[in-house]
Each structure stands twice: as C-alpha cells, then as structure tokens.
C-alpha cells in the first residue's frame, strides 16, 4: 500500500474530487487504483481567501498494477512512500494460570494502577489486554456521579475535594475540550492505538483522520464507561473512592523496592508493580511520596488567566469570509510572545466555542480551566494566556537554599488563595476587561463579552500593587503580550474581552524522575506515569505514556512468568 502526503485541494472542492487527484498524483490509470482510505485531513488557512485542504491518503493498487514501478517512478518524491504499519503489537501475554493460587503464594501479585485518568485508563487497558488483571485505585467517584459533584461546585458553590474537575474517573481531561492530538514524537504510532480504542468506545470515526480531533465532555463520559467495562471484562478491577495514603517500600539504598500501598480505609494491597498515574493536582499524594523518599524534582510550569472573546471574532480573524465553513468548524489559535522582561507568554488549552470552568480541588481556592463540547457552539472562545516560570521562582524566600520538589505546589496555593480572596469567596473568580488590564485600572462594568465562568466573576483590578492576583512579572508579561497577539488575531486585545483568574495547573509542578525502564530512579517496581509524574500534557500524550508504562510493567512481569 502506498501513502501520499501533502495532497492539496481547495476548501470547497467537489465531493468526488479526491480520487481523480490521487490518480493524477500517482500518474496511473483510474483502474489501477483499487481503493483508498483517508488517513489525515488538515487545512492551510494562511491565505484566508484561498484556504486549502491537505490530505494524507493510503492507496491500494489493483493486483495488475506494479506498485514497485510506481514507487520507482516517484523515487525522488518525499510525499509518495510505502504506508507505514500503524498496527499495535503487545510486548507479550501471560499464561492463563499466571495468577493461580500457588503462583500468588510464590509472590505473583496483580499490578496496581493508582489513578484512572487518561494515563491510568490506558495503562490498565493494556495490562488487562496482556492478561495481567490490574487493580485500579481511583480516589474519586465513577464518572457520572463525579459529573454531578462537579456541577455542584459550578451551580451551587459546593466543592467536594475528592470528586471534582481534577479527581475522579476520566481525570481532568473529562472536563476539557477533549482534544485528541499531540505534538509528541510517536515513531511507534501509539497515538493510533489510543484513537482506535476511543472509536471502539463510541467516539466518531472522524477522530482517526481530522488533523485536530476532539470529542468534548459529554461524549468522553460514555467512552470512559465503555473502556472501564472492557478492562473489567478482561479481568481487571476498578475501585472508586480509594485514596492511597502510603506506599510500602522495603530495602535500603539502591535495593529499595515497592511492595504495595495502604488506602485511607486502612486496607493494604500487596504488589511489586505499582503504576503511579497521578494527576497534576494530587498534592497530598506527592507529599506522601516525597516523605517516603521517592526521588522527585521541581520542574517548570506556567500560570496566568483565561481569556474570552466572542467565537465569531476568532473565526473571522482566522478564516475571513470562510468563517463558519462546516469543515473548518470553530477556529482555534496558538500564540507565543517573548516579553521584554525575559518571560514567555503563550496560549494554552484553547477551547473554541467553550466555557471557562471552576477547576479547584481544594477548599477556598480558585482555579480556572477551559472546556467545550463536541459541537463547540457556545458563544465564546477561551484559552489560557499563561507565562512560563521555573523552580527558582518557587522559593518561599527568594535566594534561600535549594528548591524543594514541593515548593511549586506551595507557590500555586498562594495565588489560588489570593484569587479566592479577590473573588470575594464562594469560588467566584476575579476578572477584568482586557482594556482595563492594559491601562492598569480596575474593571467595574462588563462590555459585550459575557464571561462564562460559573459560579461567576467579580470584576476587580488584577494588578493592584499591594494585592496582585499573580506575581507582577507575570502580569507585566501578559500586559505586553495582549497587544502583540492583536497583530496576529485581529480583535484579540478588544477592550471588553474578559480575563478570568487564575490558571495555575497547566502541568505538574514536579517530576517523579524515572529511568529508561520507566521505574523510579530509587524505588524499583514503582512506575511514575502521566501528567502528575511530569511525563505528559493532555489526553493523547497521557494515554501514550500509559501504554508505554504498561509495556514496561508487562516486560518486568513476563520475565518471571
């Protein structure tokens, strides 16, 4: 089978134009093309009046056609090659009696997966598909009950610290835009495995070929339930409302090995293979692991605001007269500005046609995030506008001793508590109009942009000298970046666009460093994984990391099979 990349057609091409374009590109007769499948469809919108669709297609030639001759004919063309093999291959499967009673007595314990977000889901799924019958421990609730608890915060200002946007089945990705694309290097095509499993679980097949696939919150809920059922059917076990409070570690020095975990209920589970697929907000678990001596280090992350514009403003700026075209959908953007104070400002987790949501997991703190449904048809576009910071910024006393891996969490808490205070309590978020923020003045009245954040916003001055909502170096960098972004997206610095604070949980503030075998540097059998461990950022990269970690667990367990 041959693959053609960079096959370009006009946005409004005829429905049947793709086949003749393929035939012409290959330089073969129509009868020589047996069939083709669409692998990817993207677009080039740099010229708004002449937007082009870019296709990647896999072509199967008829038996009488000479595939080798076609390849030879295009030997100098990098866009016509053999199609790569994107199928997934397991590292192995354990025998059916691997967990028989005598084997368990001899030390063969089932692997544990702590956390059931995207990383934990795929780690558990791969382990189950290999016959390793994982036990999943999720501190939050199953996804439908968790959804009710999350709405309790948004509508009734009632936070459940164990069941919210951060904690529960599906992880933080459940209440997001459901983005299913990533810029990670993927030579083994593991993202294809993730997408195929999502389609099996009920996602639309278009996620297999559109350039920036998404599914939205409502569809993610049912998909997560279906994958959970698959894991259970394969012998896995999912336990909700099971918070891990301790880890059992034996040995000293380089001989330390994990032997299990203790739950808040007091129950102890034995295992020699524990996947720590924590989310980036599992602060109490990070603290416990640090106290137990698990190697970790502080890492950079970013903080800032959510900005909201009318979606139509973004659509017209990106697509011109083609705004509203069904193939293009609601427009997104990706922006970067290097500020004069040395800080980088960039857009993060852009949600077309979505809403800003309350995403805290701790009482009396305000955290924002973005979410949208599959339709992306809400009135506003929103995105994080965030500033990169590094561990030197986390020191509670500037210039003091070495940075602790936990200092980033303390840093986040300071600004989340400040946001709660400036919002006036009740998880109301502080907000300001972009025009007022640029002019360094408080906002008093909303303009045409109605903020979507629930429980609501309190207009204020975000950069007051004595009580700023974020560090002044962050505020100064964003203030400089907004007019710069206007030069790329017309209307971006419109005076009544809304900034809502604060966005602090863009990624984990620490990394639980692991070796090439995916195990902790100083605790064998402990496999840090996903966003919380500092090895992913988003649904797709977390899912891929879950697969790779599960494979590492499988190799370790197969060695004793």
Protein backbone atom coordinates (compact mmCIF):
# COMPACT_ATOMS: atom_id res chain seq x y z
CA UNK A 1 0.00 0.00 0.00
CA UNK A 2 1.24 3.50 -0.84
CA UNK A 3 0.85 6.68 1.17
CA UNK A 4 0.51 10.12 -0.38
CA UNK A 5 1.11 13.12 1.86
CA UNK A 6 0.59 16.82 1.15
CA UNK A 7 -2.18 16.24 -1.40
CA UNK A 8 -3.73 19.71 -1.65
CA UNK A 9 -7.25 20.57 -2.81
CA UNK A 10 -9.34 23.76 -2.49
CA UNK A 11 -11.57 24.05 0.58
CA UNK A 12 -14.74 23.83 -1.49
CA UNK A 13 -13.65 21.05 -3.83
CA UNK A 14 -16.25 18.69 -5.26
CA UNK A 15 -17.15 15.70 -3.12
CA UNK A 16 -15.75 13.28 -5.72
CA UNK A 17 -12.55 15.22 -6.42
CA UNK A 18 -10.22 13.21 -4.21
CA UNK A 19 -9.99 10.05 -6.30
CA UNK A 20 -9.01 11.79 -9.57
CA UNK A 21 -6.49 13.89 -7.61
CA UNK A 22 -4.90 10.70 -6.24
CA UNK A 23 -4.78 9.07 -9.66
CA UNK A 24 -3.20 12.19 -11.15
CA UNK A 25 -0.68 12.43 -8.33
CA UNK A 26 0.40 8.81 -8.78
CA UNK A 27 0.40 9.09 -12.56
CA UNK A 28 -1.63 5.89 -13.03
CA UNK A 29 -4.89 5.00 -14.77
CA UNK A 30 -8.05 5.14 -12.71
CA UNK A 31 -8.43 1.38 -12.98
CA UNK A 32 -5.06 0.95 -11.28
CA UNK A 33 -6.39 2.40 -8.03
CA UNK A 34 -8.29 -0.34 -6.22
CA UNK A 35 -9.27 1.76 -3.20
CA UNK A 36 -8.01 4.46 -0.87
CA UNK A 37 -8.53 5.43 2.75
CA UNK A 38 -8.22 8.83 4.32
CA UNK A 39 -5.50 8.91 6.98
CA UNK A 40 -5.39 12.63 7.75
CA UNK A 41 -7.12 15.84 6.69
CA UNK A 42 -5.71 19.22 7.70
CA UNK A 43 -6.01 22.72 6.32
CA UNK A 44 -3.77 25.65 5.46
CA UNK A 45 -5.53 28.92 6.36
CA UNK A 46 -2.62 31.31 5.93
CA UNK A 47 -4.44 32.81 2.94
CA UNK A 48 -7.93 33.33 4.31
CA UNK A 49 -9.49 33.81 0.87
CA UNK A 50 -7.91 30.63 -0.52
CA UNK A 51 -7.93 28.06 2.28
CA UNK A 52 -6.55 24.71 1.16
CA UNK A 53 -7.30 21.21 2.49
CA UNK A 54 -4.25 18.95 2.90
CA UNK A 55 -4.83 15.21 2.67
CA UNK A 56 -2.80 12.16 3.60
CA UNK A 57 -4.22 9.06 1.91
CA UNK A 58 -3.32 5.38 1.81
CA UNK A 59 -3.77 3.85 -1.63
CA UNK A 60 -4.18 0.21 -2.55
CA UNK A 61 -3.32 -0.54 -6.17
CA UNK A 62 -5.12 -3.15 -8.23
CA UNK A 63 -3.40 -6.57 -8.48
CA UNK A 64 -2.35 -5.93 -12.08
CA UNK A 65 -0.73 -2.60 -11.17
CA UNK A 66 3.01 -2.57 -10.44
CA UNK A 67 3.42 -0.93 -7.03
CA UNK A 68 7.21 -1.18 -7.16
CA UNK A 69 7.24 0.58 -10.53
CA UNK A 70 5.06 3.39 -9.19
CA UNK A 71 7.39 3.79 -6.24
CA UNK A 72 10.41 3.82 -8.51
CA UNK A 73 8.76 6.41 -10.72
CA UNK A 74 8.40 8.70 -7.68
CA UNK A 75 11.71 7.76 -6.00
CA UNK A 76 12.68 11.41 -5.53
CA UNK A 77 9.30 12.47 -4.16
CA UNK A 78 9.20 12.50 -0.33
CA UNK A 79 5.38 12.60 -0.41
CA UNK A 80 4.86 9.20 -2.04
CA UNK A 81 6.11 6.31 0.05
CA UNK A 82 5.05 2.92 1.33
CA UNK A 83 2.38 3.22 4.03
CA UNK A 84 3.82 2.61 7.48
CA UNK A 85 2.50 -0.22 9.63
CA UNK A 86 0.46 1.52 12.34
CA UNK A 87 -0.91 -1.64 13.97
CA UNK A 88 -0.26 -2.16 17.68
CA UNK A 89 1.72 -5.17 18.91
CA UNK A 90 1.77 -6.25 22.53
CA UNK A 91 5.07 -7.00 24.22
CA UNK A 92 3.55 -10.32 25.27
CA UNK A 93 0.79 -12.07 27.17
CA UNK A 94 0.98 -14.01 30.41
CA UNK A 95 -0.23 -17.61 30.56
CA UNK A 96 -3.77 -18.19 31.78
CA UNK A 97 -2.58 -19.66 35.10
CA UNK A 98 -0.17 -16.81 35.87
CA UNK A 99 -2.22 -15.73 38.89
CA UNK A 100 -3.12 -19.24 40.06
CA UNK A 101 -3.19 -19.74 43.83
CA UNK A 102 0.27 -21.31 44.02
CA UNK A 103 1.74 -18.56 41.85
CA UNK A 104 0.28 -15.87 44.10
CA UNK A 105 1.63 -17.68 47.14
CA UNK A 106 5.02 -17.57 45.45
CA UNK A 107 4.88 -13.80 45.10
CA UNK A 108 2.98 -13.10 41.87
CA UNK A 109 0.74 -10.21 42.80
CA UNK A 110 -1.51 -8.28 40.44
CA UNK A 111 -0.22 -4.89 39.30
CA UNK A 112 -1.77 -1.78 40.81
CA UNK A 113 -2.65 1.36 38.86
CA UNK A 114 -3.16 4.44 41.02
CA UNK A 115 -5.34 6.96 39.20
CA UNK A 116 -7.90 6.49 36.44
CA UNK A 117 -7.35 9.49 34.21
CA UNK A 118 -6.22 9.04 30.58
CA UNK A 119 -2.84 7.64 31.59
CA UNK A 120 -4.25 5.23 34.17
CA UNK A 121 -7.03 4.18 31.82
CA UNK A 122 -4.63 3.15 29.07
CA UNK A 123 -2.13 1.62 31.46
CA UNK A 124 -4.92 -0.52 32.92
CA UNK A 125 -6.36 -1.36 29.49
CA UNK A 126 -3.02 -2.56 28.08
CA UNK A 127 -2.26 -4.54 31.23
CA UNK A 128 -5.71 -6.15 31.03
CA UNK A 129 -5.27 -6.93 27.33
CA UNK A 130 -1.99 -8.67 28.22
CA UNK A 131 -3.79 -10.83 30.79
CA UNK A 132 -2.29 -9.08 33.81
CA UNK A 133 -5.63 -8.27 35.55
CA UNK A 134 -4.73 -4.87 37.04
CA UNK A 135 -6.37 -3.40 40.11
CA UNK A 136 -7.12 0.30 39.63
CA UNK A 137 -7.36 2.60 42.65
CA UNK A 138 -9.15 5.88 41.94
CA UNK A 139 -9.64 8.37 44.78
CA UNK A 140 -12.65 10.00 43.10
CA UNK A 141 -16.01 8.67 42.02
CA UNK A 142 -17.26 6.99 38.86
CA UNK A 143 -17.72 9.45 36.05
CA UNK A 144 -21.47 10.09 36.20
CA UNK A 145 -21.55 10.69 39.95
CA UNK A 146 -18.42 12.77 39.59
CA UNK A 147 -20.20 14.89 36.97
CA UNK A 148 -22.99 15.62 39.45
CA UNK A 149 -20.45 16.66 42.09
CA UNK A 150 -18.69 18.93 39.61
CA UNK A 151 -21.96 20.63 38.71
CA UNK A 152 -22.46 21.07 42.47
CA UNK A 153 -19.45 23.40 42.51
CA UNK A 154 -20.39 25.21 39.32
CA UNK A 155 -24.07 25.74 40.20
CA UNK A 156 -24.25 25.61 43.99
CA UNK A 157 -20.73 26.66 45.05
CA UNK A 158 -20.25 23.38 46.90
CA UNK A 159 -16.85 21.71 46.49
CA UNK A 160 -16.26 18.01 47.07
CA UNK A 161 -12.45 17.78 47.49
CA UNK A 162 -12.43 14.14 46.35
CA UNK A 163 -14.82 14.46 43.39
CA UNK A 164 -14.35 17.42 41.08
CA UNK A 165 -12.70 18.53 37.83
CA UNK A 166 -9.36 17.11 38.99
CA UNK A 167 -10.32 13.89 40.77
CA UNK A 168 -12.50 11.03 39.56
CA UNK A 169 -12.92 8.60 36.68
CA UNK A 170 -11.56 10.05 33.45
CA UNK A 171 -9.25 12.54 35.15
CA UNK A 172 -9.03 16.25 34.38
CA UNK A 173 -9.33 15.50 30.65
CA UNK A 174 -13.01 14.61 31.09
CA UNK A 175 -13.87 18.26 31.75
CA UNK A 176 -11.89 19.79 28.91
CA UNK A 177 -12.17 20.24 25.18
CA UNK A 178 -11.44 16.55 24.72
CA UNK A 179 -8.50 17.32 22.44
CA UNK A 180 -7.14 14.15 20.86
CA UNK A 181 -3.94 15.39 19.28
CA UNK A 182 -0.43 15.89 20.48
CA UNK A 183 2.95 17.04 19.22
CA UNK A 184 4.86 14.22 20.88
CA UNK A 185 7.27 12.13 18.84
CA UNK A 186 5.39 8.94 18.01
CA UNK A 187 7.55 6.57 15.91
CA UNK A 188 5.53 3.53 17.05
CA UNK A 189 2.16 5.13 16.17
CA UNK A 190 0.86 4.65 19.72
CA UNK A 191 -1.48 7.60 19.26
CA UNK A 192 -3.23 5.43 16.66
CA UNK A 193 -3.79 2.76 19.32
CA UNK A 194 -5.34 5.41 21.59
CA UNK A 195 -7.60 6.71 18.83
CA UNK A 196 -8.67 3.21 17.78
CA UNK A 197 -9.65 2.38 21.36
CA UNK A 198 -11.64 5.60 21.58
CA UNK A 199 -13.50 4.75 18.36
CA UNK A 200 -14.27 1.28 19.75
CA UNK A 201 -15.64 3.03 22.83
CA UNK A 202 -18.00 5.21 20.79
CA UNK A 203 -16.00 8.19 19.51
CA UNK A 204 -16.84 9.33 15.96
CA UNK A 205 -14.60 7.76 13.32
CA UNK A 206 -13.56 11.21 12.11
CA UNK A 207 -11.09 11.40 15.02
CA UNK A 208 -8.95 8.96 13.03
CA UNK A 209 -8.34 11.45 10.23
CA UNK A 210 -9.10 15.07 11.16
CA UNK A 211 -5.94 16.99 11.99
CA UNK A 212 -7.04 18.23 15.41
CA UNK A 213 -9.66 15.76 16.63
CA UNK A 214 -11.77 16.42 19.71
CA UNK A 215 -14.80 14.83 21.33
CA UNK A 216 -15.91 17.09 24.15
CA UNK A 217 -17.02 16.32 27.69
CA UNK A 218 -20.38 14.62 27.16
CA UNK A 219 -19.01 12.03 24.73
CA UNK A 220 -15.98 11.38 26.91
CA UNK A 221 -18.25 10.32 29.78
CA UNK A 222 -19.79 7.39 27.93
CA UNK A 223 -16.49 6.43 26.32
CA UNK A 224 -14.73 6.22 29.69
CA UNK A 225 -17.50 3.95 30.96
CA UNK A 226 -17.13 1.65 27.95
CA UNK A 227 -13.35 1.33 28.38
CA UNK A 228 -13.87 0.64 32.07
CA UNK A 229 -16.24 -2.19 31.16
CA UNK A 230 -13.64 -3.61 28.76
CA UNK A 231 -10.98 -3.63 31.48
CA UNK A 232 -13.32 -5.41 33.90
CA UNK A 233 -14.35 -7.94 31.24
CA UNK A 234 -10.66 -8.79 30.78
CA UNK A 235 -10.20 -9.50 34.48
CA UNK A 236 -9.26 -6.05 35.72
CA UNK A 237 -10.81 -4.42 38.76
CA UNK A 238 -11.70 -0.74 39.25
CA UNK A 239 -12.12 0.54 42.80
CA UNK A 240 -13.51 4.04 43.25
CA UNK A 241 -13.20 6.28 46.32
CA UNK A 242 -9.94 4.52 47.21
CA UNK A 243 -7.33 7.10 48.15
CA UNK A 244 -3.76 5.87 48.55
CA UNK A 245 -2.28 7.26 51.75
CA UNK A 246 1.01 5.35 51.95
CA UNK A 247 3.36 3.13 49.98
CA UNK A 248 5.12 0.08 51.34
CA UNK A 249 8.83 0.14 50.49
CA UNK A 250 11.37 -2.47 51.52
CA UNK A 251 15.15 -2.33 51.44
CA UNK A 252 17.77 0.37 51.65
CA UNK A 253 19.75 2.44 49.17
CA UNK A 254 19.70 1.07 45.65
CA UNK A 255 17.85 -2.06 46.84
CA UNK A 256 14.57 -0.31 47.68
CA UNK A 257 11.52 -1.98 46.15
CA UNK A 258 7.83 -1.23 46.40
CA UNK A 259 5.70 -3.92 47.99
CA UNK A 260 2.25 -2.39 47.97
CA UNK A 261 0.09 0.52 49.08
CA UNK A 262 -2.10 1.48 52.01
CA UNK A 263 -5.53 3.03 51.49
CA UNK A 264 -7.36 5.65 53.55
CA UNK A 265 -9.61 2.83 54.78
CA UNK A 266 -6.58 1.17 56.37
CA UNK A 267 -6.54 -1.70 53.85
CA UNK A 268 -3.15 -2.76 52.49
CA UNK A 269 -2.76 -4.16 48.98
CA UNK A 270 0.37 -6.14 48.12
CA UNK A 271 2.03 -5.64 44.78
CA UNK A 272 5.54 -5.50 43.39
CA UNK A 273 4.46 -3.37 40.42
CA UNK A 274 2.66 -0.08 41.08
CA UNK A 275 1.86 2.45 38.35
CA UNK A 276 1.53 5.95 39.84
CA UNK A 277 -0.71 7.58 37.23
CA UNK A 278 -1.49 10.61 39.36
CA UNK A 279 -2.97 13.81 38.03
CA UNK A 280 -1.11 17.09 38.40
CA UNK A 281 -3.28 18.05 41.39
CA UNK A 282 -2.64 15.04 43.66
CA UNK A 283 -0.80 17.25 46.12
CA UNK A 284 -1.29 15.11 49.21
CA UNK A 285 0.00 12.04 47.38
CA UNK A 286 3.04 13.93 46.10
CA UNK A 287 3.78 14.99 49.69
CA UNK A 288 3.46 11.41 50.96
CA UNK A 289 5.76 10.05 48.24
CA UNK A 290 8.31 12.78 48.97
CA UNK A 291 8.23 11.90 52.66
CA UNK A 292 8.83 8.25 51.75
CA UNK A 293 11.95 9.26 49.86
CA UNK A 294 10.71 8.65 46.30
CA UNK A 295 13.01 10.63 44.01
CA UNK A 296 11.40 13.73 42.54
CA UNK A 297 12.47 17.18 41.44
CA UNK A 298 10.88 20.56 40.85
CA UNK A 299 10.03 21.36 37.23
CA UNK A 300 8.81 24.41 35.30
CA UNK A 301 5.14 25.08 34.65
CA UNK A 302 3.05 28.12 33.71
CA UNK A 303 0.47 30.39 35.32
CA UNK A 304 -1.87 33.07 34.03
CA UNK A 305 -5.51 33.75 33.13
CA UNK A 306 -8.32 32.50 30.93
CA UNK A 307 -9.21 35.00 28.19
CA UNK A 308 -12.63 35.04 26.47
CA UNK A 309 -13.63 36.54 23.13
CA UNK A 310 -16.73 36.08 21.01
CA UNK A 311 -16.09 32.98 18.91
CA UNK A 312 -17.12 34.91 15.81
CA UNK A 313 -14.24 37.33 16.30
CA UNK A 314 -11.76 34.45 16.26
CA UNK A 315 -13.48 32.75 13.30
CA UNK A 316 -13.31 35.88 11.15
CA UNK A 317 -9.73 36.64 12.14
CA UNK A 318 -8.59 33.14 11.22
CA UNK A 319 -10.82 32.25 8.27
CA UNK A 320 -12.07 35.55 6.82
CA UNK A 321 -15.08 35.03 4.53
CA UNK A 322 -14.77 31.27 5.06
CA UNK A 323 -15.74 31.64 8.72
CA UNK A 324 -18.48 29.16 9.56
CA UNK A 325 -17.48 26.59 6.95
CA UNK A 326 -18.52 23.14 8.29
CA UNK A 327 -15.16 21.52 7.57
CA UNK A 328 -13.26 24.27 9.37
CA UNK A 329 -15.61 24.45 12.35
CA UNK A 330 -14.92 26.85 15.21
CA UNK A 331 -11.48 28.41 14.81
CA UNK A 332 -8.66 27.94 17.28
CA UNK A 333 -5.31 29.69 17.64
CA UNK A 334 -1.83 29.22 19.01
CA UNK A 335 0.11 32.30 20.09
CA UNK A 336 3.53 33.00 21.62
CA UNK A 337 5.19 36.24 22.72
CA UNK A 338 8.63 36.70 24.25
CA UNK A 339 8.25 39.60 26.67
CA UNK A 340 10.89 42.22 27.39
CA UNK A 341 11.23 41.01 30.98
CA UNK A 342 12.51 37.67 29.69
CA UNK A 343 9.28 35.73 30.21
CA UNK A 344 7.49 33.74 27.52
CA UNK A 345 3.72 34.24 27.20
CA UNK A 346 1.67 31.73 25.23
CA UNK A 347 -1.85 30.49 24.65
CA UNK A 348 -2.67 27.20 26.35
CA UNK A 349 -5.51 24.68 26.04
CA UNK A 350 -7.52 26.81 23.60
CA UNK A 351 -11.21 25.86 23.68
CA UNK A 352 -13.23 27.06 20.67
CA UNK A 353 -16.91 27.62 21.39
CA UNK A 354 -16.47 26.60 25.00
CA UNK A 355 -16.69 27.78 28.59
CA UNK A 356 -14.35 28.67 31.44
CA UNK A 357 -14.85 26.30 34.36
CA UNK A 358 -14.05 26.19 38.05
CA UNK A 359 -11.32 23.58 38.43
CA UNK A 360 -10.19 23.75 42.06
CA UNK A 361 -9.73 20.64 44.15
CA UNK A 362 -9.03 22.38 47.47
CA UNK A 363 -11.34 24.47 49.66
CA UNK A 364 -11.15 28.26 49.45
CA UNK A 365 -9.00 28.34 46.36
CA UNK A 366 -9.93 29.42 42.83
CA UNK A 367 -8.55 27.63 39.77
CA UNK A 368 -9.79 28.05 36.20
CA UNK A 369 -9.68 25.77 33.18
CA UNK A 370 -11.39 25.58 29.79
CA UNK A 371 -13.95 23.11 28.49
CA UNK A 372 -16.09 22.64 25.38
CA UNK A 373 -18.49 20.10 23.96
CA UNK A 374 -18.18 18.23 20.68
CA UNK A 375 -20.36 20.83 18.94
CA UNK A 376 -18.16 23.75 20.09
CA UNK A 377 -21.16 26.01 19.67
CA UNK A 378 -21.04 28.19 22.80
CA UNK A 379 -20.81 31.93 22.19
CA UNK A 380 -17.25 32.46 23.45
CA UNK A 381 -13.79 31.19 22.63
CA UNK A 382 -11.46 30.82 25.60
CA UNK A 383 -7.83 29.97 26.16
CA UNK A 384 -5.26 30.13 28.88
CA UNK A 385 -2.86 33.05 28.46
CA UNK A 386 0.00 31.88 30.61
CA UNK A 387 3.59 32.73 31.48
CA UNK A 388 6.37 30.23 31.92
CA UNK A 389 8.03 30.13 35.33
CA UNK A 390 10.81 27.94 36.65
CA UNK A 391 11.81 26.43 40.01
CA UNK A 392 13.83 29.47 41.03
CA UNK A 393 10.50 31.36 41.18
CA UNK A 394 9.04 28.88 43.69
CA UNK A 395 11.31 29.67 46.60
CA UNK A 396 9.23 30.91 49.50
CA UNK A 397 12.18 33.11 50.44
CA UNK A 398 13.94 34.38 47.27
CA UNK A 399 17.60 33.45 47.18
CA UNK A 400 17.26 30.92 50.02
CA UNK A 401 18.51 27.33 49.88
CA UNK A 402 17.77 24.68 47.26
CA UNK A 403 14.28 24.40 45.82
CA UNK A 404 12.20 21.58 47.25
CA UNK A 405 10.17 19.47 44.81
CA UNK A 406 7.10 20.53 46.80
CA UNK A 407 7.74 24.29 46.51
CA UNK A 408 5.82 24.54 43.24
CA UNK A 409 2.66 23.32 44.98
CA UNK A 410 3.10 25.90 47.72
CA UNK A 411 3.59 28.57 45.05
CA UNK A 412 0.37 27.53 43.29
CA UNK A 413 -1.58 27.62 46.54
CA UNK A 414 -0.54 31.20 47.30
CA UNK A 415 -2.09 32.51 44.09
CA UNK A 416 -5.13 30.24 44.16
CA UNK A 417 -5.91 31.52 47.66
CA UNK A 418 -5.34 35.10 46.52
CA UNK A 419 -7.81 34.58 43.67
CA UNK A 420 -10.40 33.21 46.09
CA UNK A 421 -9.93 36.27 48.30
CA UNK A 422 -10.19 38.76 45.41
CA UNK A 423 -13.26 36.98 44.08
CA UNK A 424 -15.00 37.55 47.37
CA UNK A 425 -15.47 33.89 48.33
CA UNK A 426 -17.87 31.23 47.16
CA UNK A 427 -15.42 30.20 44.39
CA UNK A 428 -16.30 33.35 42.46
CA UNK A 429 -13.31 34.24 40.26
CA UNK A 430 -11.63 37.65 39.94
CA UNK A 431 -11.89 39.09 36.45
CA UNK A 432 -11.13 42.22 34.43
CA UNK A 433 -11.67 43.55 30.95
CA UNK A 434 -8.64 43.40 28.69
CA UNK A 435 -8.79 47.15 28.01
CA UNK A 436 -8.75 47.98 31.72
CA UNK A 437 -5.99 45.48 32.42
CA UNK A 438 -3.77 47.04 29.75
CA UNK A 439 -4.49 50.51 31.19
CA UNK A 440 -3.73 49.29 34.75
CA UNK A 441 -7.15 50.23 36.07
CA UNK A 442 -9.92 48.28 37.81
CA UNK A 443 -12.89 46.98 35.82
CA UNK A 444 -16.37 47.97 37.02
CA UNK A 445 -18.83 47.10 34.23
CA UNK A 446 -18.86 44.30 31.66
CA UNK A 447 -18.98 45.11 27.96
CA UNK A 448 -20.36 42.91 25.19
CA UNK A 449 -18.43 39.81 26.23
CA UNK A 450 -20.32 37.88 28.89
CA UNK A 451 -17.95 35.70 30.95
CA UNK A 452 -18.92 32.03 31.04
CA UNK A 453 -17.24 31.06 34.31
CA UNK A 454 -19.54 29.61 36.94
CA UNK A 455 -20.17 30.23 39.86
CA UNK A 456 -19.50 33.74 38.49
CA UNK A 457 -16.91 36.51 38.35
CA UNK A 458 -16.09 39.58 40.42
CA UNK A 459 -14.74 42.49 38.38
CA UNK A 460 -11.70 43.98 40.05
CA UNK A 461 -8.17 45.18 39.43
CA UNK A 462 -5.98 42.17 38.78
CA UNK A 463 -2.68 44.01 39.17
CA UNK A 464 -3.12 46.02 42.37
CA UNK A 465 0.33 46.87 43.71
CA UNK A 466 -0.32 45.54 47.21
CA UNK A 467 -2.52 42.52 46.40
CA UNK A 468 -1.94 41.37 42.81
CA UNK A 469 -3.74 38.23 41.70
CA UNK A 470 -0.46 36.89 40.23
CA UNK A 471 3.20 37.92 40.50
CA UNK A 472 3.88 41.29 38.87
CA UNK A 473 6.39 39.79 36.43
CA UNK A 474 3.58 37.55 35.13
CA UNK A 475 1.12 40.44 34.90
CA UNK A 476 3.63 42.69 33.13
CA UNK A 477 4.43 39.99 30.56
CA UNK A 478 0.75 39.36 29.79
CA UNK A 479 0.04 43.09 29.55
CA UNK A 480 2.77 43.37 26.92
CA UNK A 481 1.65 40.23 25.07
CA UNK A 482 -2.01 41.13 24.54
CA UNK A 483 -1.39 43.94 22.00
CA UNK A 484 1.24 41.76 20.34
CA UNK A 485 -1.33 38.99 19.92
CA UNK A 486 -3.67 41.57 18.34
CA UNK A 487 -1.24 41.75 15.41
CA UNK A 488 -1.82 38.03 14.78
CA UNK A 489 -5.52 37.76 15.70
CA UNK A 490 -7.49 40.92 14.91
CA UNK A 491 -9.71 41.69 17.88
CA UNK A 492 -7.60 39.81 20.43
CA UNK A 493 -7.00 42.88 22.59
CA UNK A 494 -10.56 44.18 22.16
CA UNK A 495 -11.32 46.31 25.23
CA UNK A 496 -14.22 44.22 26.53
CA UNK A 497 -12.63 40.78 26.15
CA UNK A 498 -12.53 39.20 29.62
CA UNK A 499 -9.59 37.91 31.67
CA UNK A 500 -10.56 35.47 34.44
CA UNK A 501 -8.10 34.26 37.06
CA UNK A 502 -6.29 32.19 37.87
CA UNK A 503 -4.91 29.39 35.70
CA UNK A 504 -2.23 27.66 37.78
CA UNK A 505 -2.46 23.97 36.91
CA UNK A 506 -1.15 23.91 33.38
CA UNK A 507 1.10 20.96 34.25
CA UNK A 508 2.60 19.21 37.22
CA UNK A 509 4.94 21.37 39.35
CA UNK A 510 7.27 18.40 39.84
CA UNK A 511 8.64 15.34 38.09
CA UNK A 512 8.95 11.89 39.65
CA UNK A 513 12.03 11.06 37.64
CA UNK A 514 12.28 7.59 36.16
CA UNK A 515 14.88 5.59 34.25
CA UNK A 516 14.84 4.01 30.82
CA UNK A 517 12.93 1.08 32.33
CA UNK A 518 10.16 3.55 33.32
CA UNK A 519 10.76 2.80 37.01
CA UNK A 520 11.51 5.33 39.72
CA UNK A 521 15.20 6.13 39.99
CA UNK A 522 15.33 4.90 43.57
CA UNK A 523 12.31 2.63 44.12
CA UNK A 524 12.13 -0.45 41.92
CA UNK A 525 8.68 -1.57 40.92
CA UNK A 526 7.28 1.97 41.17
CA UNK A 527 6.35 3.30 37.74
CA UNK A 528 5.66 7.09 37.72
CA UNK A 529 3.40 7.89 34.77
CA UNK A 530 1.40 10.60 33.05
CA UNK A 531 0.80 14.26 33.87
CA UNK A 532 1.31 14.12 37.60
CA UNK A 533 4.67 12.43 37.21
CA UNK A 534 5.72 15.14 34.76
CA UNK A 535 5.71 12.95 31.65
CA UNK A 536 2.61 14.06 29.73
CA UNK A 537 0.42 17.04 28.97
CA UNK A 538 -3.04 16.30 27.63
CA UNK A 539 -5.21 13.28 26.86
CA UNK A 540 -3.16 11.86 24.00
CA UNK A 541 0.32 12.16 25.50
CA UNK A 542 -1.00 10.80 28.81
CA UNK A 543 -2.62 7.86 27.04
CA UNK A 544 0.58 7.08 25.13
CA UNK A 545 2.61 7.29 28.33
CA UNK A 546 0.15 4.90 29.97
CA UNK A 547 0.70 2.41 27.15
CA UNK A 548 4.49 2.64 27.39
CA UNK A 549 4.48 2.27 31.17
CA UNK A 550 2.11 -0.71 30.95
CA UNK A 551 4.50 -2.32 28.48
CA UNK A 552 7.37 -1.78 30.92
CA UNK A 553 5.32 -3.40 33.70
CA UNK A 554 4.44 -6.24 31.36
CA UNK A 555 8.07 -6.87 30.45
CA UNK A 556 9.02 -6.95 34.12
CA UNK A 557 6.22 -9.38 34.99
CA UNK A 558 6.72 -11.57 31.92
CA UNK A 559 10.33 -12.04 32.97
CA UNK A 560 9.03 -14.02 35.95
CA UNK A 561 6.24 -15.86 34.07
